[in-house]
PDB file of N, CA and C in Angstrom:
ATOM      1  N   MET A   1      18.363  -0.583  47.413  1.00  0.00           N
ATOM      2  CA  MET A   1      18.972  -0.584  46.096  1.00  0.00           C
ATOM      3  C   MET A   1      20.048  -1.680  46.053  1.00  0.00           C
ATOM      4  N   LYS A   2      19.980  -2.517  45.035  1.00  0.00           N
ATOM      5  CA  LYS A   2      20.930  -3.622  44.913  1.00  0.00           C
ATOM      6  C   LYS A   2      22.215  -3.149  44.239  1.00  0.00           C
ATOM      7  N   PRO A   3      23.369  -3.666  44.705  1.00  0.00           N
ATOM      8  CA  PRO A   3      24.636  -3.328  44.041  1.00  0.00           C
ATOM      9  C   PRO A   3      24.656  -3.887  42.613  1.00  0.00           C
ATOM     10  N   LEU A   4      25.435  -3.235  41.756  1.00  0.00           N
ATOM     11  CA  LEU A   4      25.502  -3.644  40.347  1.00  0.00           C
ATOM     12  C   LEU A   4      25.951  -5.086  40.178  1.00  0.00           C
ATOM     13  N   ASN A   5      26.915  -5.529  40.972  1.00  0.00           N
ATOM     14  CA  ASN A   5      27.366  -6.918  40.847  1.00  0.00           C
ATOM     15  C   ASN A   5      26.244  -7.899  41.148  1.00  0.00           C
ATOM     16  N   LYS A   6      25.386  -7.582  42.112  1.00  0.00           N
ATOM     17  CA  LYS A   6      24.252  -8.455  42.447  1.00  0.00           C
ATOM     18  C   LYS A   6      23.250  -8.477  41.292  1.00  0.00           C
ATOM     19  N   ILE A   7      23.007  -7.317  40.683  1.00  0.00           N
ATOM     20  CA  ILE A   7      22.066  -7.253  39.561  1.00  0.00           C
ATOM     21  C   ILE A   7      22.578  -8.102  38.396  1.00  0.00           C
ATOM     22  N   THR A   8      23.854  -7.940  38.045  1.00  0.00           N
ATOM     23  CA  THR A   8      24.382  -8.725  36.917  1.00  0.00           C
ATOM     24  C   THR A   8      24.444 -10.207  37.263  1.00  0.00           C
ATOM     25  N   TYR A   9      24.724 -10.535  38.515  1.00  0.00           N
ATOM     26  CA  TYR A   9      24.703 -11.936  38.949  1.00  0.00           C
ATOM     27  C   TYR A   9      23.311 -12.524  38.756  1.00  0.00           C
ATOM     28  N   ASP A  10      22.296 -11.770  39.146  1.00  0.00           N
ATOM     29  CA  ASP A  10      20.915 -12.237  39.005  1.00  0.00           C
ATOM     30  C   ASP A  10      20.505 -12.362  37.532  1.00  0.00           C
ATOM     31  N   ILE A  11      20.924 -11.420  36.698  1.00  0.00           N
ATOM     32  CA  ILE A  11      20.607 -11.493  35.263  1.00  0.00           C
ATOM     33  C   ILE A  11      21.246 -12.736  34.666  1.00  0.00           C
ATOM     34  N   ARG A  12      22.507 -12.969  34.999  1.00  0.00           N
ATOM     35  CA  ARG A  12      23.196 -14.155  34.489  1.00  0.00           C
ATOM     36  C   ARG A  12      22.495 -15.429  34.965  1.00  0.00           C
ATOM     37  N   GLY A  13      22.101 -15.474  36.222  1.00  0.00           N
ATOM     38  CA  GLY A  13      21.396 -16.645  36.746  1.00  0.00           C
ATOM     39  C   GLY A  13      20.088 -16.880  36.019  1.00  0.00           C
ATOM     40  N   ALA A  14      19.360 -15.801  35.746  1.00  0.00           N
ATOM     41  CA  ALA A  14      18.099 -15.920  34.999  1.00  0.00           C
ATOM     42  C   ALA A  14      18.369 -16.421  33.588  1.00  0.00           C
ATOM     43  N   ALA A  15      19.438 -15.933  32.958  1.00  0.00           N
ATOM     44  CA  ALA A  15      19.794 -16.385  31.606  1.00  0.00           C
ATOM     45  C   ALA A  15      20.129 -17.873  31.611  1.00  0.00           C
ATOM     46  N   PHE A  16      20.841 -18.336  32.635  1.00  0.00           N
ATOM     47  CA  PHE A  16      21.159 -19.766  32.752  1.00  0.00           C
ATOM     48  C   PHE A  16      19.880 -20.594  32.862  1.00  0.00           C
ATOM     49  N   ARG A  17      18.923 -20.122  33.672  1.00  0.00           N
ATOM     50  CA  ARG A  17      17.668 -20.869  33.831  1.00  0.00           C
ATOM     51  C   ARG A  17      16.893 -20.937  32.521  1.00  0.00           C
ATOM     52  N   VAL A  18      16.813 -19.821  31.819  1.00  0.00           N
ATOM     53  CA  VAL A  18      16.106 -19.796  30.530  1.00  0.00           C
ATOM     54  C   VAL A  18      16.791 -20.730  29.542  1.00  0.00           C
ATOM     55  N   HIS A  19      18.105 -20.667  29.471  1.00  0.00           N
ATOM     56  CA  HIS A  19      18.846 -21.498  28.525  1.00  0.00           C
ATOM     57  C   HIS A  19      18.717 -22.977  28.871  1.00  0.00           C
ATOM     58  N   THR A  20      18.741 -23.300  30.158  1.00  0.00           N
ATOM     59  CA  THR A  20      18.589 -24.693  30.584  1.00  0.00           C
ATOM     60  C   THR A  20      17.218 -25.226  30.179  1.00  0.00           C
ATOM     61  N   GLU A  21      16.201 -24.392  30.308  1.00  0.00           N
ATOM     62  CA  GLU A  21      14.831 -24.804  29.989  1.00  0.00           C
ATOM     63  C   GLU A  21      14.592 -24.910  28.481  1.00  0.00           C
ATOM     64  N   LEU A  22      15.091 -23.928  27.721  1.00  0.00           N
ATOM     65  CA  LEU A  22      14.780 -23.859  26.290  1.00  0.00           C
ATOM     66  C   LEU A  22      15.868 -24.438  25.382  1.00  0.00           C
ATOM     67  N   GLY A  23      17.123 -24.325  25.797  1.00  0.00           N
ATOM     68  CA  GLY A  23      18.226 -24.751  24.943  1.00  0.00           C
ATOM     69  C   GLY A  23      18.467 -23.773  23.808  1.00  0.00           C
ATOM     70  N   PRO A  24      19.474 -24.033  22.974  1.00  0.00           N
ATOM     71  CA  PRO A  24      19.762 -23.158  21.836  1.00  0.00           C
ATOM     72  C   PRO A  24      18.814 -23.433  20.671  1.00  0.00           C
ATOM     73  N   GLY A  25      18.802 -22.504  19.717  1.00  0.00           N
ATOM     74  CA  GLY A  25      18.093 -22.749  18.465  1.00  0.00           C
ATOM     75  C   GLY A  25      16.779 -22.019  18.272  1.00  0.00           C
ATOM     76  N   LEU A  26      16.338 -21.240  19.255  1.00  0.00           N
ATOM     77  CA  LEU A  26      15.073 -20.506  19.113  1.00  0.00           C
ATOM     78  C   LEU A  26      15.344 -19.069  18.674  1.00  0.00           C
ATOM     79  N   LEU A  27      14.270 -18.350  18.425  1.00  0.00           N
ATOM     80  CA  LEU A  27      14.399 -16.946  18.057  1.00  0.00           C
ATOM     81  C   LEU A  27      14.739 -16.106  19.283  1.00  0.00           C
ATOM     82  N   GLU A  28      15.424 -15.012  19.040  1.00  0.00           N
ATOM     83  CA  GLU A  28      15.793 -14.083  20.107  1.00  0.00           C
ATOM     84  C   GLU A  28      14.576 -13.642  20.914  1.00  0.00           C
ATOM     85  N   SER A  29      13.469 -13.414  20.255  1.00  0.00           N
ATOM     86  CA  SER A  29      12.266 -12.925  20.943  1.00  0.00           C
ATOM     87  C   SER A  29      11.759 -13.905  21.998  1.00  0.00           C
ATOM     88  N   ALA A  30      11.928 -15.198  21.779  1.00  0.00           N
ATOM     89  CA  ALA A  30      11.509 -16.197  22.774  1.00  0.00           C
ATOM     90  C   ALA A  30      12.368 -16.084  24.030  1.00  0.00           C
ATOM     91  N   TYR A  31      13.675 -15.965  23.847  1.00  0.00           N
ATOM     92  CA  TYR A  31      14.570 -15.818  24.997  1.00  0.00           C
ATOM     93  C   TYR A  31      14.293 -14.510  25.734  1.00  0.00           C
ATOM     94  N   GLU A  32      14.019 -13.461  24.973  1.00  0.00           N
ATOM     95  CA  GLU A  32      13.740 -12.153  25.574  1.00  0.00           C
ATOM     96  C   GLU A  32      12.512 -12.226  26.478  1.00  0.00           C
ATOM     97  N   ALA A  33      11.433 -12.786  25.984  1.00  0.00           N
ATOM     98  CA  ALA A  33      10.201 -12.874  26.765  1.00  0.00           C
ATOM     99  C   ALA A  33      10.412 -13.700  28.038  1.00  0.00           C
ATOM    100  N   CYS A  34      11.117 -14.807  27.918  1.00  0.00           N
ATOM    101  CA  CYS A  34      11.352 -15.678  29.081  1.00  0.00           C
ATOM    102  C   CYS A  34      12.292 -15.028  30.083  1.00  0.00           C
ATOM    103  N   LEU A  35      13.325 -14.349  29.593  1.00  0.00           N
ATOM    104  CA  LEU A  35      14.261 -13.679  30.496  1.00  0.00           C
ATOM    105  C   LEU A  35      13.562 -12.547  31.243  1.00  0.00           C
ATOM    106  N   ILE A  36      12.737 -11.800  30.559  1.00  0.00           N
ATOM    107  CA  ILE A  36      11.981 -10.736  31.224  1.00  0.00           C
ATOM    108  C   ILE A  36      11.091 -11.326  32.307  1.00  0.00           C
ATOM    109  N   HIS A  37      10.414 -12.413  32.006  1.00  0.00           N
ATOM    110  CA  HIS A  37       9.565 -13.079  33.002  1.00  0.00           C
ATOM    111  C   HIS A  37      10.387 -13.463  34.235  1.00  0.00           C
ATOM    112  N   GLU A  38      11.543 -14.093  34.016  1.00  0.00           N
ATOM    113  CA  GLU A  38      12.411 -14.507  35.121  1.00  0.00           C
ATOM    114  C   GLU A  38      12.821 -13.301  35.977  1.00  0.00           C
ATOM    115  N   LEU A  39      13.242 -12.238  35.322  1.00  0.00           N
ATOM    116  CA  LEU A  39      13.714 -11.066  36.057  1.00  0.00           C
ATOM    117  C   LEU A  39      12.583 -10.382  36.824  1.00  0.00           C
ATOM    118  N   GLN A  40      11.414 -10.304  36.220  1.00  0.00           N
ATOM    119  CA  GLN A  40      10.278  -9.704  36.921  1.00  0.00           C
ATOM    120  C   GLN A  40       9.852 -10.551  38.110  1.00  0.00           C
ATOM    121  N   GLN A  41       9.955 -11.866  37.981  1.00  0.00           N
ATOM    122  CA  GLN A  41       9.648 -12.748  39.107  1.00  0.00           C
ATOM    123  C   GLN A  41      10.617 -12.508  40.264  1.00  0.00           C
ATOM    124  N   MET A  42      11.810 -12.047  39.951  1.00  0.00           N
ATOM    125  CA  MET A  42      12.811 -11.750  40.970  1.00  0.00           C
ATOM    126  C   MET A  42      12.650 -10.340  41.536  1.00  0.00           C
ATOM    127  N   GLY A  43      11.674  -9.598  41.024  1.00  0.00           N
ATOM    128  CA  GLY A  43      11.396  -8.267  41.539  1.00  0.00           C
ATOM    129  C   GLY A  43      12.078  -7.127  40.811  1.00  0.00           C
ATOM    130  N   TYR A  44      12.689  -7.407  39.665  1.00  0.00           N
ATOM    131  CA  TYR A  44      13.374  -6.362  38.919  1.00  0.00           C
ATOM    132  C   TYR A  44      12.423  -5.627  37.985  1.00  0.00           C
ATOM    133  N   SER A  45      12.659  -4.335  37.836  1.00  0.00           N
ATOM    134  CA  SER A  45      11.971  -3.582  36.791  1.00  0.00           C
ATOM    135  C   SER A  45      12.741  -3.819  35.499  1.00  0.00           C
ATOM    136  N   VAL A  46      12.013  -4.094  34.432  1.00  0.00           N
ATOM    137  CA  VAL A  46      12.632  -4.360  33.140  1.00  0.00           C
ATOM    138  C   VAL A  46      11.915  -3.522  32.092  1.00  0.00           C
ATOM    139  N   GLU A  47      12.679  -2.672  31.419  1.00  0.00           N
ATOM    140  CA  GLU A  47      12.142  -1.910  30.296  1.00  0.00           C
ATOM    141  C   GLU A  47      12.530  -2.664  29.032  1.00  0.00           C
ATOM    142  N   ARG A  48      11.518  -3.082  28.279  1.00  0.00           N
ATOM    143  CA  ARG A  48      11.726  -3.898  27.075  1.00  0.00           C
ATOM    144  C   ARG A  48      11.720  -3.020  25.838  1.00  0.00           C
ATOM    145  N   GLN A  49      12.679  -3.272  24.944  1.00  0.00           N
ATOM    146  CA  GLN A  49      12.782  -2.530  23.691  1.00  0.00           C
ATOM    147  C   GLN A  49      12.756  -1.018  23.951  1.00  0.00           C
ATOM    148  N   LYS A  50      13.609  -0.592  24.871  1.00  0.00           N
ATOM    149  CA  LYS A  50      13.659   0.815  25.276  1.00  0.00           C
ATOM    150  C   LYS A  50      14.264   1.657  24.167  1.00  0.00           C
ATOM    151  N   GLY A  51      13.510   2.663  23.765  1.00  0.00           N
ATOM    152  CA  GLY A  51      13.947   3.558  22.702  1.00  0.00           C
ATOM    153  C   GLY A  51      15.086   4.451  23.131  1.00  0.00           C
ATOM    154  N   LEU A  52      15.970   4.723  22.194  1.00  0.00           N
ATOM    155  CA  LEU A  52      17.124   5.591  22.433  1.00  0.00           C
ATOM    156  C   LEU A  52      17.156   6.699  21.392  1.00  0.00           C
ATOM    157  N   PRO A  53      17.167   7.945  21.839  1.00  0.00           N
ATOM    158  CA  PRO A  53      17.306   9.035  20.862  1.00  0.00           C
ATOM    159  C   PRO A  53      18.761   9.156  20.420  1.00  0.00           C
ATOM    160  N   LEU A  54      18.950   9.633  19.240  1.00  0.00           N
ATOM    161  CA  LEU A  54      20.284   9.888  18.715  1.00  0.00           C
ATOM    162  C   LEU A  54      20.445  11.392  18.617  1.00  0.00           C
ATOM    163  N   ARG A  55      21.464  11.917  19.270  1.00  0.00           N
ATOM    164  CA  ARG A  55      21.734  13.352  19.205  1.00  0.00           C
ATOM    165  C   ARG A  55      22.824  13.578  18.165  1.00  0.00           C
ATOM    166  N   TYR A  56      22.505  14.412  17.192  1.00  0.00           N
ATOM    167  CA  TYR A  56      23.446  14.719  16.124  1.00  0.00           C
ATOM    168  C   TYR A  56      23.440  16.226  15.890  1.00  0.00           C
ATOM    169  N   LYS A  57      24.583  16.858  16.125  1.00  0.00           N
ATOM    170  CA  LYS A  57      24.730  18.303  15.909  1.00  0.00           C
ATOM    171  C   LYS A  57      23.583  19.090  16.547  1.00  0.00           C
ATOM    172  N   ASP A  58      23.377  18.887  17.830  1.00  0.00           N
ATOM    173  CA  ASP A  58      22.375  19.614  18.622  1.00  0.00           C
ATOM    174  C   ASP A  58      20.930  19.312  18.229  1.00  0.00           C
ATOM    175  N   VAL A  59      20.705  18.214  17.527  1.00  0.00           N
ATOM    176  CA  VAL A  59      19.351  17.814  17.146  1.00  0.00           C
ATOM    177  C   VAL A  59      19.095  16.416  17.694  1.00  0.00           C
ATOM    178  N   ASP A  60      17.976  16.254  18.406  1.00  0.00           N
ATOM    179  CA  ASP A  60      17.581  14.936  18.876  1.00  0.00           C
ATOM    180  C   ASP A  60      16.773  14.251  17.776  1.00  0.00           C
ATOM    181  N   LEU A  61      17.249  13.098  17.336  1.00  0.00           N
ATOM    182  CA  LEU A  61      16.595  12.354  16.266  1.00  0.00           C
ATOM    183  C   LEU A  61      15.944  11.102  16.857  1.00  0.00           C
ATOM    184  N   GLN A  62      14.686  10.934  16.637  1.00  0.00           N
ATOM    185  CA  GLN A  62      13.975   9.734  17.084  1.00  0.00           C
ATOM    186  C   GLN A  62      13.908   8.784  15.890  1.00  0.00           C
ATOM    187  N   ILE A  63      14.952   7.968  15.750  1.00  0.00           N
ATOM    188  CA  ILE A  63      15.037   7.146  14.541  1.00  0.00           C
ATOM    189  C   ILE A  63      14.911   5.657  14.810  1.00  0.00           C
ATOM    190  N   GLY A  64      14.478   5.308  16.006  1.00  0.00           N
ATOM    191  CA  GLY A  64      14.122   3.914  16.220  1.00  0.00           C
ATOM    192  C   GLY A  64      15.177   3.003  16.795  1.00  0.00           C
ATOM    193  N   TYR A  65      16.254   3.547  17.355  1.00  0.00           N
ATOM    194  CA  TYR A  65      17.199   2.665  18.037  1.00  0.00           C
ATOM    195  C   TYR A  65      16.563   2.142  19.308  1.00  0.00           C
ATOM    196  N   ARG A  66      16.666   0.843  19.532  1.00  0.00           N
ATOM    197  CA  ARG A  66      16.055   0.228  20.711  1.00  0.00           C
ATOM    198  C   ARG A  66      17.005  -0.807  21.300  1.00  0.00           C
ATOM    199  N   MET A  67      17.286  -0.623  22.584  1.00  0.00           N
ATOM    200  CA  MET A  67      18.046  -1.671  23.265  1.00  0.00           C
ATOM    201  C   MET A  67      17.055  -2.719  23.734  1.00  0.00           C
ATOM    202  N   ASP A  68      17.481  -3.973  23.789  1.00  0.00           N
ATOM    203  CA  ASP A  68      16.569  -5.057  24.141  1.00  0.00           C
ATOM    204  C   ASP A  68      15.976  -4.877  25.527  1.00  0.00           C
ATOM    205  N   MET A  69      16.827  -4.586  26.511  1.00  0.00           N
ATOM    206  CA  MET A  69      16.343  -4.446  27.889  1.00  0.00           C
ATOM    207  C   MET A  69      17.195  -3.461  28.661  1.00  0.00           C
ATOM    208  N   LEU A  70      16.535  -2.791  29.592  1.00  0.00           N
ATOM    209  CA  LEU A  70      17.220  -2.029  30.622  1.00  0.00           C
ATOM    210  C   LEU A  70      16.703  -2.579  31.941  1.00  0.00           C
ATOM    211  N   VAL A  71      17.579  -3.164  32.729  1.00  0.00           N
ATOM    212  CA  VAL A  71      17.195  -3.826  33.975  1.00  0.00           C
ATOM    213  C   VAL A  71      17.546  -2.921  35.153  1.00  0.00           C
ATOM    214  N   ALA A  72      16.557  -2.684  35.992  1.00  0.00           N
ATOM    215  CA  ALA A  72      16.715  -1.874  37.202  1.00  0.00           C
ATOM    216  C   ALA A  72      17.236  -0.471  36.894  1.00  0.00           C
ATOM    217  N   GLY A  73      17.061  -0.027  35.659  1.00  0.00           N
ATOM    218  CA  GLY A  73      17.547   1.288  35.262  1.00  0.00           C
ATOM    219  C   GLY A  73      19.056   1.398  35.239  1.00  0.00           C
ATOM    220  N   LYS A  74      19.773   0.252  35.374  1.00  0.00           N
ATOM    221  CA  LYS A  74      21.217   0.299  35.547  1.00  0.00           C
ATOM    222  C   LYS A  74      22.028  -0.613  34.641  1.00  0.00           C
ATOM    223  N   VAL A  75      21.394  -1.588  34.009  1.00  0.00           N
ATOM    224  CA  VAL A  75      22.150  -2.553  33.202  1.00  0.00           C
ATOM    225  C   VAL A  75      21.473  -2.712  31.842  1.00  0.00           C
ATOM    226  N   VAL A  76      22.222  -2.423  30.786  1.00  0.00           N
ATOM    227  CA  VAL A  76      21.757  -2.679  29.424  1.00  0.00           C
ATOM    228  C   VAL A  76      21.966  -4.160  29.148  1.00  0.00           C
ATOM    229  N   VAL A  77      20.922  -4.828  28.667  1.00  0.00           N
ATOM    230  CA  VAL A  77      21.031  -6.235  28.296  1.00  0.00           C
ATOM    231  C   VAL A  77      20.663  -6.349  26.820  1.00  0.00           C
ATOM    232  N   GLU A  78      21.602  -6.849  26.046  1.00  0.00           N
ATOM    233  CA  GLU A  78      21.376  -7.052  24.616  1.00  0.00           C
ATOM    234  C   GLU A  78      21.409  -8.549  24.359  1.00  0.00           C
ATOM    235  N   LEU A  79      20.356  -9.064  23.730  1.00  0.00           N
ATOM    236  CA  LEU A  79      20.225 -10.499  23.479  1.00  0.00           C
ATOM    237  C   LEU A  79      20.527 -10.828  22.029  1.00  0.00           C
ATOM    238  N   LYS A  80      21.136 -11.982  21.852  1.00  0.00           N
ATOM    239  CA  LYS A  80      21.400 -12.515  20.519  1.00  0.00           C
ATOM    240  C   LYS A  80      21.082 -14.001  20.525  1.00  0.00           C
ATOM    241  N   ALA A  81      20.773 -14.516  19.358  1.00  0.00           N
ATOM    242  CA  ALA A  81      20.630 -15.954  19.130  1.00  0.00           C
ATOM    243  C   ALA A  81      21.257 -16.202  17.758  1.00  0.00           C
ATOM    244  N   VAL A  82      22.583 -16.114  17.726  1.00  0.00           N
ATOM    245  CA  VAL A  82      23.326 -16.141  16.468  1.00  0.00           C
ATOM    246  C   VAL A  82      24.380 -17.238  16.484  1.00  0.00           C
ATOM    247  N   ARG A  83      24.864 -17.566  15.310  1.00  0.00           N
ATOM    248  CA  ARG A  83      25.891 -18.601  15.185  1.00  0.00           C
ATOM    249  C   ARG A  83      27.167 -18.181  15.912  1.00  0.00           C
ATOM    250  N   GLU A  84      27.506 -16.903  15.808  1.00  0.00           N
ATOM    251  CA  GLU A  84      28.743 -16.415  16.408  1.00  0.00           C
ATOM    252  C   GLU A  84      28.617 -14.911  16.646  1.00  0.00           C
ATOM    253  N   LEU A  85      29.032 -14.451  17.825  1.00  0.00           N
ATOM    254  CA  LEU A  85      29.064 -13.015  18.083  1.00  0.00           C
ATOM    255  C   LEU A  85      30.174 -12.394  17.245  1.00  0.00           C
ATOM    256  N   THR A  86      29.915 -11.191  16.761  1.00  0.00           N
ATOM    257  CA  THR A  86      30.878 -10.486  15.928  1.00  0.00           C
ATOM    258  C   THR A  86      31.273  -9.166  16.595  1.00  0.00           C
ATOM    259  N   PRO A  87      32.306  -8.521  16.083  1.00  0.00           N
ATOM    260  CA  PRO A  87      32.666  -7.200  16.609  1.00  0.00           C
ATOM    261  C   PRO A  87      31.520  -6.182  16.489  1.00  0.00           C
ATOM    262  N   ILE A  88      30.646  -6.355  15.518  1.00  0.00           N
ATOM    263  CA  ILE A  88      29.499  -5.453  15.375  1.00  0.00           C
ATOM    264  C   ILE A  88      28.547  -5.611  16.559  1.00  0.00           C
ATOM    265  N   ASP A  89      28.377  -6.830  17.068  1.00  0.00           N
ATOM    266  CA  ASP A  89      27.529  -7.049  18.241  1.00  0.00           C
ATOM    267  C   ASP A  89      28.100  -6.308  19.454  1.00  0.00           C
ATOM    268  N   THR A  90      29.402  -6.366  19.604  1.00  0.00           N
ATOM    269  CA  THR A  90      30.060  -5.633  20.688  1.00  0.00           C
ATOM    270  C   THR A  90      29.883  -4.134  20.495  1.00  0.00           C
ATOM    271  N   ALA A  91      30.101  -3.661  19.288  1.00  0.00           N
ATOM    272  CA  ALA A  91      29.938  -2.233  18.999  1.00  0.00           C
ATOM    273  C   ALA A  91      28.507  -1.786  19.289  1.00  0.00           C
ATOM    274  N   GLN A  92      27.533  -2.631  18.977  1.00  0.00           N
ATOM    275  CA  GLN A  92      26.129  -2.279  19.198  1.00  0.00           C
ATOM    276  C   GLN A  92      25.844  -2.050  20.678  1.00  0.00           C
ATOM    277  N   ILE A  93      26.239  -2.980  21.540  1.00  0.00           N
ATOM    278  CA  ILE A  93      25.942  -2.790  22.960  1.00  0.00           C
ATOM    279  C   ILE A  93      26.709  -1.599  23.526  1.00  0.00           C
ATOM    280  N   LEU A  94      27.942  -1.405  23.093  1.00  0.00           N
ATOM    281  CA  LEU A  94      28.704  -0.250  23.576  1.00  0.00           C
ATOM    282  C   LEU A  94      28.064   1.059  23.132  1.00  0.00           C
ATOM    283  N   THR A  95      27.532   1.090  21.928  1.00  0.00           N
ATOM    284  CA  THR A  95      26.833   2.284  21.443  1.00  0.00           C
ATOM    285  C   THR A  95      25.562   2.519  22.248  1.00  0.00           C
ATOM    286  N   TYR A  96      24.789   1.465  22.511  1.00  0.00           N
ATOM    287  CA  TYR A  96      23.580   1.613  23.321  1.00  0.00           C
ATOM    288  C   TYR A  96      23.915   2.101  24.726  1.00  0.00           C
ATOM    289  N   MET A  97      25.009   1.618  25.276  1.00  0.00           N
ATOM    290  CA  MET A  97      25.420   2.074  26.601  1.00  0.00           C
ATOM    291  C   MET A  97      25.783   3.556  26.560  1.00  0.00           C
ATOM    292  N   ARG A  98      26.501   3.955  25.542  1.00  0.00           N
ATOM    293  CA  ARG A  98      26.893   5.361  25.407  1.00  0.00           C
ATOM    294  C   ARG A  98      25.672   6.253  25.216  1.00  0.00           C
ATOM    295  N   LEU A  99      24.762   5.863  24.326  1.00  0.00           N
ATOM    296  CA  LEU A  99      23.577   6.675  24.055  1.00  0.00           C
ATOM    297  C   LEU A  99      22.654   6.786  25.267  1.00  0.00           C
ATOM    298  N   SER A 100      22.596   5.725  26.068  1.00  0.00           N
ATOM    299  CA  SER A 100      21.698   5.715  27.229  1.00  0.00           C
ATOM    300  C   SER A 100      22.347   6.282  28.486  1.00  0.00           C
ATOM    301  N   GLY A 101      23.682   6.382  28.487  1.00  0.00           N
ATOM    302  CA  GLY A 101      24.382   6.845  29.675  1.00  0.00           C
ATOM    303  C   GLY A 101      24.525   5.775  30.744  1.00  0.00           C
ATOM    304  N   VAL A 102      24.217   4.536  30.401  1.00  0.00           N
ATOM    305  CA  VAL A 102      24.337   3.414  31.332  1.00  0.00           C
ATOM    306  C   VAL A 102      25.738   2.837  31.198  1.00  0.00           C
ATOM    307  N   ARG A 103      26.404   2.615  32.322  1.00  0.00           N
ATOM    308  CA  ARG A 103      27.812   2.227  32.294  1.00  0.00           C
ATOM    309  C   ARG A 103      28.061   0.730  32.290  1.00  0.00           C
ATOM    310  N   LEU A 104      27.026  -0.082  32.513  1.00  0.00           N
ATOM    311  CA  LEU A 104      27.211  -1.528  32.616  1.00  0.00           C
ATOM    312  C   LEU A 104      26.286  -2.234  31.633  1.00  0.00           C
ATOM    313  N   GLY A 105      26.818  -3.231  30.934  1.00  0.00           N
ATOM    314  CA  GLY A 105      26.007  -3.957  29.964  1.00  0.00           C
ATOM    315  C   GLY A 105      26.373  -5.425  29.905  1.00  0.00           C
ATOM    316  N   LEU A 106      25.387  -6.236  29.538  1.00  0.00           N
ATOM    317  CA  LEU A 106      25.588  -7.662  29.317  1.00  0.00           C
ATOM    318  C   LEU A 106      25.113  -8.004  27.912  1.00  0.00           C
ATOM    319  N   LEU A 107      25.963  -8.679  27.161  1.00  0.00           N
ATOM    320  CA  LEU A 107      25.622  -9.203  25.846  1.00  0.00           C
ATOM    321  C   LEU A 107      25.433 -10.704  26.019  1.00  0.00           C
ATOM    322  N   LEU A 108      24.222 -11.178  25.781  1.00  0.00           N
ATOM    323  CA  LEU A 108      23.878 -12.580  26.006  1.00  0.00           C
ATOM    324  C   LEU A 108      23.531 -13.250  24.685  1.00  0.00           C
ATOM    325  N   ASP A 109      24.286 -14.280  24.330  1.00  0.00           N
ATOM    326  CA  ASP A 109      23.994 -15.067  23.134  1.00  0.00           C
ATOM    327  C   ASP A 109      23.455 -16.426  23.580  1.00  0.00           C
ATOM    328  N   PHE A 110      22.196 -16.694  23.254  1.00  0.00           N
ATOM    329  CA  PHE A 110      21.548 -17.936  23.672  1.00  0.00           C
ATOM    330  C   PHE A 110      21.787 -19.095  22.710  1.00  0.00           C
ATOM    331  N   ASN A 111      22.425 -18.845  21.583  1.00  0.00           N
ATOM    332  CA  ASN A 111      22.649 -19.909  20.600  1.00  0.00           C
ATOM    333  C   ASN A 111      24.004 -20.581  20.845  1.00  0.00           C
ATOM    334  N   VAL A 112      24.185 -21.049  22.073  1.00  0.00           N
ATOM    335  CA  VAL A 112      25.410 -21.727  22.483  1.00  0.00           C
ATOM    336  C   VAL A 112      25.018 -22.998  23.233  1.00  0.00           C
ATOM    337  N   PHE A 113      25.944 -23.949  23.314  1.00  0.00           N
ATOM    338  CA  PHE A 113      25.649 -25.177  24.060  1.00  0.00           C
ATOM    339  C   PHE A 113      25.730 -24.945  25.563  1.00  0.00           C
ATOM    340  N   ARG A 114      26.678 -24.101  25.987  1.00  0.00           N
ATOM    341  CA  ARG A 114      26.816 -23.761  27.402  1.00  0.00           C
ATOM    342  C   ARG A 114      26.634 -22.260  27.550  1.00  0.00           C
ATOM    343  N   MET A 115      25.660 -21.858  28.339  1.00  0.00           N
ATOM    344  CA  MET A 115      25.341 -20.439  28.459  1.00  0.00           C
ATOM    345  C   MET A 115      26.536 -19.616  28.909  1.00  0.00           C
ATOM    346  N   LYS A 116      27.388 -20.176  29.729  1.00  0.00           N
ATOM    347  CA  LYS A 116      28.548 -19.406  30.204  1.00  0.00           C
ATOM    348  C   LYS A 116      29.419 -18.942  29.039  1.00  0.00           C
ATOM    349  N   ASP A 117      29.373 -19.647  27.912  1.00  0.00           N
ATOM    350  CA  ASP A 117      30.133 -19.239  26.728  1.00  0.00           C
ATOM    351  C   ASP A 117      29.449 -18.121  25.951  1.00  0.00           C
ATOM    352  N   GLY A 118      28.221 -17.798  26.301  1.00  0.00           N
ATOM    353  CA  GLY A 118      27.461 -16.780  25.574  1.00  0.00           C
ATOM    354  C   GLY A 118      27.267 -15.483  26.331  1.00  0.00           C
ATOM    355  N   ILE A 119      28.049 -15.248  27.382  1.00  0.00           N
ATOM    356  CA  ILE A 119      27.887 -14.058  28.197  1.00  0.00           C
ATOM    357  C   ILE A 119      29.131 -13.192  28.125  1.00  0.00           C
ATOM    358  N   LYS A 120      28.918 -11.911  27.783  1.00  0.00           N
ATOM    359  CA  LYS A 120      30.001 -10.932  27.800  1.00  0.00           C
ATOM    360  C   LYS A 120      29.538  -9.731  28.615  1.00  0.00           C
ATOM    361  N   ARG A 121      30.409  -9.255  29.503  1.00  0.00           N
ATOM    362  CA  ARG A 121      30.108  -8.122  30.375  1.00  0.00           C
ATOM    363  C   ARG A 121      30.939  -6.925  29.933  1.00  0.00           C
ATOM    364  N   PHE A 122      30.303  -5.753  29.921  1.00  0.00           N
ATOM    365  CA  PHE A 122      30.978  -4.521  29.484  1.00  0.00           C
ATOM    366  C   PHE A 122      30.788  -3.431  30.528  1.00  0.00           C
ATOM    367  N   ILE A 123      31.864  -2.705  30.784  1.00  0.00           N
ATOM    368  CA  ILE A 123      31.816  -1.542  31.672  1.00  0.00           C
ATOM    369  C   ILE A 123      32.480  -0.390  30.921  1.00  0.00           C
ATOM    370  N   VAL A 124      31.807   0.757  30.898  1.00  0.00           N
ATOM    371  CA  VAL A 124      32.402   1.946  30.259  1.00  0.00           C
ATOM    372  C   VAL A 124      32.468   3.089  31.249  1.00  0.00           C
TER     373      VAL A 124
END
């Protein structure tokens, strides 16, 4: 079992490789497919568009919330390809982390000139 820091290091490295190859300006789905490929090549299990139930007043609601990726069952990865990350983007990943019970998350925005400027790490 790999330590969490190693997993996030590897995810970030894969994101750098994808961004170097593709650059900014594409759709989120293109980055998602390429990042999943990179991570699987590294031996990671990746759950794509993993559904999240919403529990409200003792009722489980299947209403279609989906996090972009769950890597190694331990890291929520949310991808963006936007002009600028907003507080809503942060709230979204934190909510997905809370709903899934996963304590570590990475918010990756590929619409940047330098990938290091598009990475935010969250721990709850």
